[in-house]
Amino acid sequence: MTKADLVEKIVEKTGLTRTDVAVVVDNFLEAVKNAMKEGHNLEIRGFGTFKIKSRKARKARNPRTGEEVPVPDRKVPVFKPSNEFKELIIQQK
């Protein structure tokens, strides 16, 4: 599903204009990105939590040459679904 598909689903359910829904979806996603950029976690009850995790520096290997390559420490975004969300997905099987 793309962002356009998501906007279309919301338009069908709410009856709002496609433009209004697109603005709301864009602003929501921008707010999530900005919160994470500032180092904040974002918890949406019943859906999940967006977090920033720190990865330690490590040594990796170039698979072509076998040479060790240093990988610096970094921060990565992660999403952890809520138990309610996980149960919803499990029930579909």
Foldseek 3Di string as FASTA:
>chain_A
DDPLVVLVVVCVVPVDDSVVSSVVVVVVVVVCVVCVVVQHKDADPLFWIKHKDKDQKDWDADVVPRDIDTDHIDIDIDIDTDPNNVVVVVVVD
